[in-house]
Amino acid sequence: MAEMENSSRFEARPWGTFTILEEHDTYKVKRIEVLPGKRLSYQRHKQRSEHWFVIAGTAKVTLNGRESLVNAQNAVDIPAGTAHRVENPDAETLVFIEVQTGTYFGEDDIERLEDDFGRV
């Protein structure tokens, strides 16, 4: 496996943080932390699918308008084109690993449908 220390990138956002653990032409792996009571944009992507594996806490996941709870040790798949959101309904920090697969991972492939932070 390639050396990870040089490729890691950490970013703070209004909802929490993420760290890019690994990037490749066909995938990207992130560790995402969502603060209690916060949520990410309701969004979709044309050029990538995502797989979320919950490490700690409970994720309230919305897929095409349908909500479900995903507990630690469980996962959810988000096919390309699916409107999705993750939210932390609990008092502890939500931690999950996101594996993106596809052909393009740029920020301009994010179509925000709703956003608590004015980024639509």
C-alpha atoms as a PDB file:
ATOM      1  CA  MET A   1       0.000   0.000   0.000  1.00  0.00           C
ATOM      2  CA  ALA A   2       1.216   3.510  -0.760  1.00  0.00           C
ATOM      3  CA  GLU A   3       2.433   5.760   2.054  1.00  0.00           C
ATOM      4  CA  MET A   4      -0.699   7.388   3.516  1.00  0.00           C
ATOM      5  CA  GLU A   5       0.845  10.210   5.567  1.00  0.00           C
ATOM      6  CA  ASN A   6       1.742  12.321   2.551  1.00  0.00           C
ATOM      7  CA  SER A   7      -1.669  11.974   0.886  1.00  0.00           C
ATOM      8  CA  SER A   8      -3.874  12.686   3.940  1.00  0.00           C
ATOM      9  CA  ARG A   9      -5.849  15.925   3.847  1.00  0.00           C
ATOM     10  CA  PHE A  10      -7.914  17.273   6.720  1.00  0.00           C
ATOM     11  CA  GLU A  11     -10.694  19.856   6.354  1.00  0.00           C
ATOM     12  CA  ALA A  12     -12.994  21.446   8.930  1.00  0.00           C
ATOM     13  CA  ARG A  13     -16.545  22.243   7.824  1.00  0.00           C
ATOM     14  CA  PRO A  14     -19.511  23.821   9.666  1.00  0.00           C
ATOM     15  CA  TRP A  15     -20.954  20.329  10.269  1.00  0.00           C
ATOM     16  CA  GLY A  16     -17.705  18.603  11.371  1.00  0.00           C
ATOM     17  CA  THR A  17     -14.540  17.390   9.635  1.00  0.00           C
ATOM     18  CA  PHE A  18     -13.217  15.036   7.007  1.00  0.00           C
ATOM     19  CA  THR A  19      -9.845  13.538   6.244  1.00  0.00           C
ATOM     20  CA  ILE A  20      -8.968  12.142   2.832  1.00  0.00           C
ATOM     21  CA  LEU A  21      -7.233   8.862   3.588  1.00  0.00           C
ATOM     22  CA  GLU A  22      -6.478   7.770   0.037  1.00  0.00           C
ATOM     23  CA  GLU A  23      -7.089   8.924  -3.539  1.00  0.00           C
ATOM     24  CA  HIS A  24      -6.796   7.066  -6.830  1.00  0.00           C
ATOM     25  CA  ASP A  25      -8.123   7.530 -10.381  1.00  0.00           C
ATOM     26  CA  THR A  26     -11.157   5.322  -9.664  1.00  0.00           C
ATOM     27  CA  TYR A  27     -11.774   5.826  -5.923  1.00  0.00           C
ATOM     28  CA  LYS A  28     -11.401   8.157  -2.936  1.00  0.00           C
ATOM     29  CA  VAL A  29     -11.586   7.181   0.754  1.00  0.00           C
ATOM     30  CA  LYS A  30     -12.554   9.670   3.493  1.00  0.00           C
ATOM     31  CA  ARG A  31     -12.990   9.530   7.271  1.00  0.00           C
ATOM     32  CA  ILE A  32     -15.922  11.823   8.108  1.00  0.00           C
ATOM     33  CA  GLU A  33     -16.984  13.144  11.526  1.00  0.00           C
ATOM     34  CA  VAL A  34     -20.381  14.836  11.943  1.00  0.00           C
ATOM     35  CA  LEU A  35     -20.987  16.879  15.095  1.00  0.00           C
ATOM     36  CA  PRO A  36     -24.099  16.236  17.228  1.00  0.00           C
ATOM     37  CA  GLY A  37     -27.229  17.769  15.676  1.00  0.00           C
ATOM     38  CA  LYS A  38     -25.482  18.696  12.403  1.00  0.00           C
ATOM     39  CA  ARG A  39     -26.073  17.456   8.864  1.00  0.00           C
ATOM     40  CA  LEU A  40     -24.456  17.702   5.463  1.00  0.00           C
ATOM     41  CA  SER A  41     -26.105  19.057   2.320  1.00  0.00           C
ATOM     42  CA  TYR A  42     -28.912  17.130   0.672  1.00  0.00           C
ATOM     43  CA  GLN A  43     -27.068  16.460  -2.584  1.00  0.00           C
ATOM     44  CA  ARG A  44     -26.406  14.145  -5.510  1.00  0.00           C
ATOM     45  CA  HIS A  45     -23.514  13.308  -7.816  1.00  0.00           C
ATOM     46  CA  LYS A  46     -23.548  12.378 -11.502  1.00  0.00           C
ATOM     47  CA  GLN A  47     -20.124  10.789 -11.736  1.00  0.00           C
ATOM     48  CA  ARG A  48     -19.633   8.862  -8.486  1.00  0.00           C
ATOM     49  CA  SER A  49     -21.276   6.398  -6.138  1.00  0.00           C
ATOM     50  CA  GLU A  50     -20.626   6.291  -2.395  1.00  0.00           C
ATOM     51  CA  HIS A  51     -20.498   3.602   0.284  1.00  0.00           C
ATOM     52  CA  TRP A  52     -20.733   4.715   3.936  1.00  0.00           C
ATOM     53  CA  PHE A  53     -19.619   2.419   6.765  1.00  0.00           C
ATOM     54  CA  VAL A  54     -20.570   3.762  10.207  1.00  0.00           C
ATOM     55  CA  ILE A  55     -17.753   3.406  12.764  1.00  0.00           C
ATOM     56  CA  ALA A  56     -19.277   5.240  15.770  1.00  0.00           C
ATOM     57  CA  GLY A  57     -22.642   6.789  16.531  1.00  0.00           C
ATOM     58  CA  THR A  58     -25.843   6.655  14.518  1.00  0.00           C
ATOM     59  CA  ALA A  59     -26.326   8.132  11.045  1.00  0.00           C
ATOM     60  CA  LYS A  60     -29.728   9.426   9.982  1.00  0.00           C
ATOM     61  CA  VAL A  61     -29.528   8.813   6.238  1.00  0.00           C
ATOM     62  CA  THR A  62     -31.900  10.252   3.638  1.00  0.00           C
ATOM     63  CA  LEU A  63     -31.925   8.600   0.198  1.00  0.00           C
ATOM     64  CA  ASN A  64     -34.327  10.074  -2.388  1.00  0.00           C
ATOM     65  CA  GLY A  65     -36.533  11.436   0.395  1.00  0.00           C
ATOM     66  CA  ARG A  66     -36.615   8.235   2.511  1.00  0.00           C
ATOM     67  CA  GLU A  67     -35.037   8.380   5.963  1.00  0.00           C
ATOM     68  CA  SER A  68     -33.445   5.505   7.863  1.00  0.00           C
ATOM     69  CA  LEU A  69     -31.096   5.074  10.810  1.00  0.00           C
ATOM     70  CA  VAL A  70     -27.753   3.357  10.260  1.00  0.00           C
ATOM     71  CA  ASN A  71     -25.964   2.246  13.422  1.00  0.00           C
ATOM     72  CA  ALA A  72     -22.282   1.491  13.998  1.00  0.00           C
ATOM     73  CA  GLN A  73     -20.996  -1.601  12.168  1.00  0.00           C
ATOM     74  CA  ASN A  74     -23.547  -1.104   9.364  1.00  0.00           C
ATOM     75  CA  ALA A  75     -23.296   0.423   5.916  1.00  0.00           C
ATOM     76  CA  VAL A  76     -25.338   2.079   3.183  1.00  0.00           C
ATOM     77  CA  ASP A  77     -24.753   2.336  -0.580  1.00  0.00           C
ATOM     78  CA  ILE A  78     -25.577   5.496  -2.527  1.00  0.00           C
ATOM     79  CA  PRO A  79     -25.676   4.949  -6.308  1.00  0.00           C
ATOM     80  CA  ALA A  80     -24.714   7.828  -8.615  1.00  0.00           C
ATOM     81  CA  GLY A  81     -27.683  10.158  -9.173  1.00  0.00           C
ATOM     82  CA  THR A  82     -29.305   9.370  -5.808  1.00  0.00           C
ATOM     83  CA  ALA A  83     -30.242  12.393  -3.669  1.00  0.00           C
ATOM     84  CA  HIS A  84     -28.665  11.792  -0.257  1.00  0.00           C
ATOM     85  CA  ARG A  85     -27.891  13.343   3.111  1.00  0.00           C
ATOM     86  CA  VAL A  86     -26.329  12.216   6.372  1.00  0.00           C
ATOM     87  CA  GLU A  87     -27.271  13.719   9.710  1.00  0.00           C
ATOM     88  CA  ASN A  88     -26.165  13.121  13.302  1.00  0.00           C
ATOM     89  CA  PRO A  89     -29.270  12.878  15.536  1.00  0.00           C
ATOM     90  CA  ASP A  90     -27.320  11.880  18.672  1.00  0.00           C
ATOM     91  CA  ALA A  91     -25.235  13.540  21.385  1.00  0.00           C
ATOM     92  CA  GLU A  92     -21.986  11.794  20.392  1.00  0.00           C
ATOM     93  CA  THR A  93     -19.947  12.472  17.260  1.00  0.00           C
ATOM     94  CA  LEU A  94     -20.899  10.369  14.239  1.00  0.00           C
ATOM     95  CA  VAL A  95     -17.878   8.796  12.499  1.00  0.00           C
ATOM     96  CA  PHE A  96     -18.052   6.956   9.189  1.00  0.00           C
ATOM     97  CA  ILE A  97     -15.799   5.909   6.335  1.00  0.00           C
ATOM     98  CA  GLU A  98     -16.889   7.026   2.878  1.00  0.00           C
ATOM     99  CA  VAL A  99     -15.627   5.180  -0.179  1.00  0.00           C
ATOM    100  CA  GLN A 100     -16.329   7.036  -3.411  1.00  0.00           C
ATOM    101  CA  THR A 101     -16.094   5.090  -6.680  1.00  0.00           C
ATOM    102  CA  GLY A 102     -16.395   6.426 -10.196  1.00  0.00           C
ATOM    103  CA  THR A 103     -14.494   8.453 -12.737  1.00  0.00           C
ATOM    104  CA  TYR A 104     -14.507  11.960 -11.243  1.00  0.00           C
ATOM    105  CA  PHE A 105     -14.437  13.236  -7.648  1.00  0.00           C
ATOM    106  CA  GLY A 106     -14.287  17.036  -8.004  1.00  0.00           C
ATOM    107  CA  GLU A 107     -16.363  19.387  -5.851  1.00  0.00           C
ATOM    108  CA  ASP A 108     -18.160  20.607  -9.004  1.00  0.00           C
ATOM    109  CA  ASP A 109     -19.890  17.185  -9.227  1.00  0.00           C
ATOM    110  CA  ILE A 110     -21.861  18.072  -6.074  1.00  0.00           C
ATOM    111  CA  GLU A 111     -25.381  19.254  -6.857  1.00  0.00           C
ATOM    112  CA  ARG A 112     -26.702  20.680  -3.576  1.00  0.00           C
ATOM    113  CA  LEU A 113     -30.490  20.448  -3.285  1.00  0.00           C
ATOM    114  CA  GLU A 114     -30.727  21.794   0.311  1.00  0.00           C
ATOM    115  CA  ASP A 115     -28.082  23.153   2.645  1.00  0.00           C
ATOM    116  CA  ASP A 116     -28.119  24.487   6.204  1.00  0.00           C
ATOM    117  CA  PHE A 117     -25.104  26.725   5.488  1.00  0.00           C
ATOM    118  CA  GLY A 118     -26.249  28.688   2.412  1.00  0.00           C
ATOM    119  CA  ARG A 119     -24.251  26.730  -0.185  1.00  0.00           C
ATOM    120  CA  VAL A 120     -27.118  25.871  -2.583  1.00  0.00           C
END
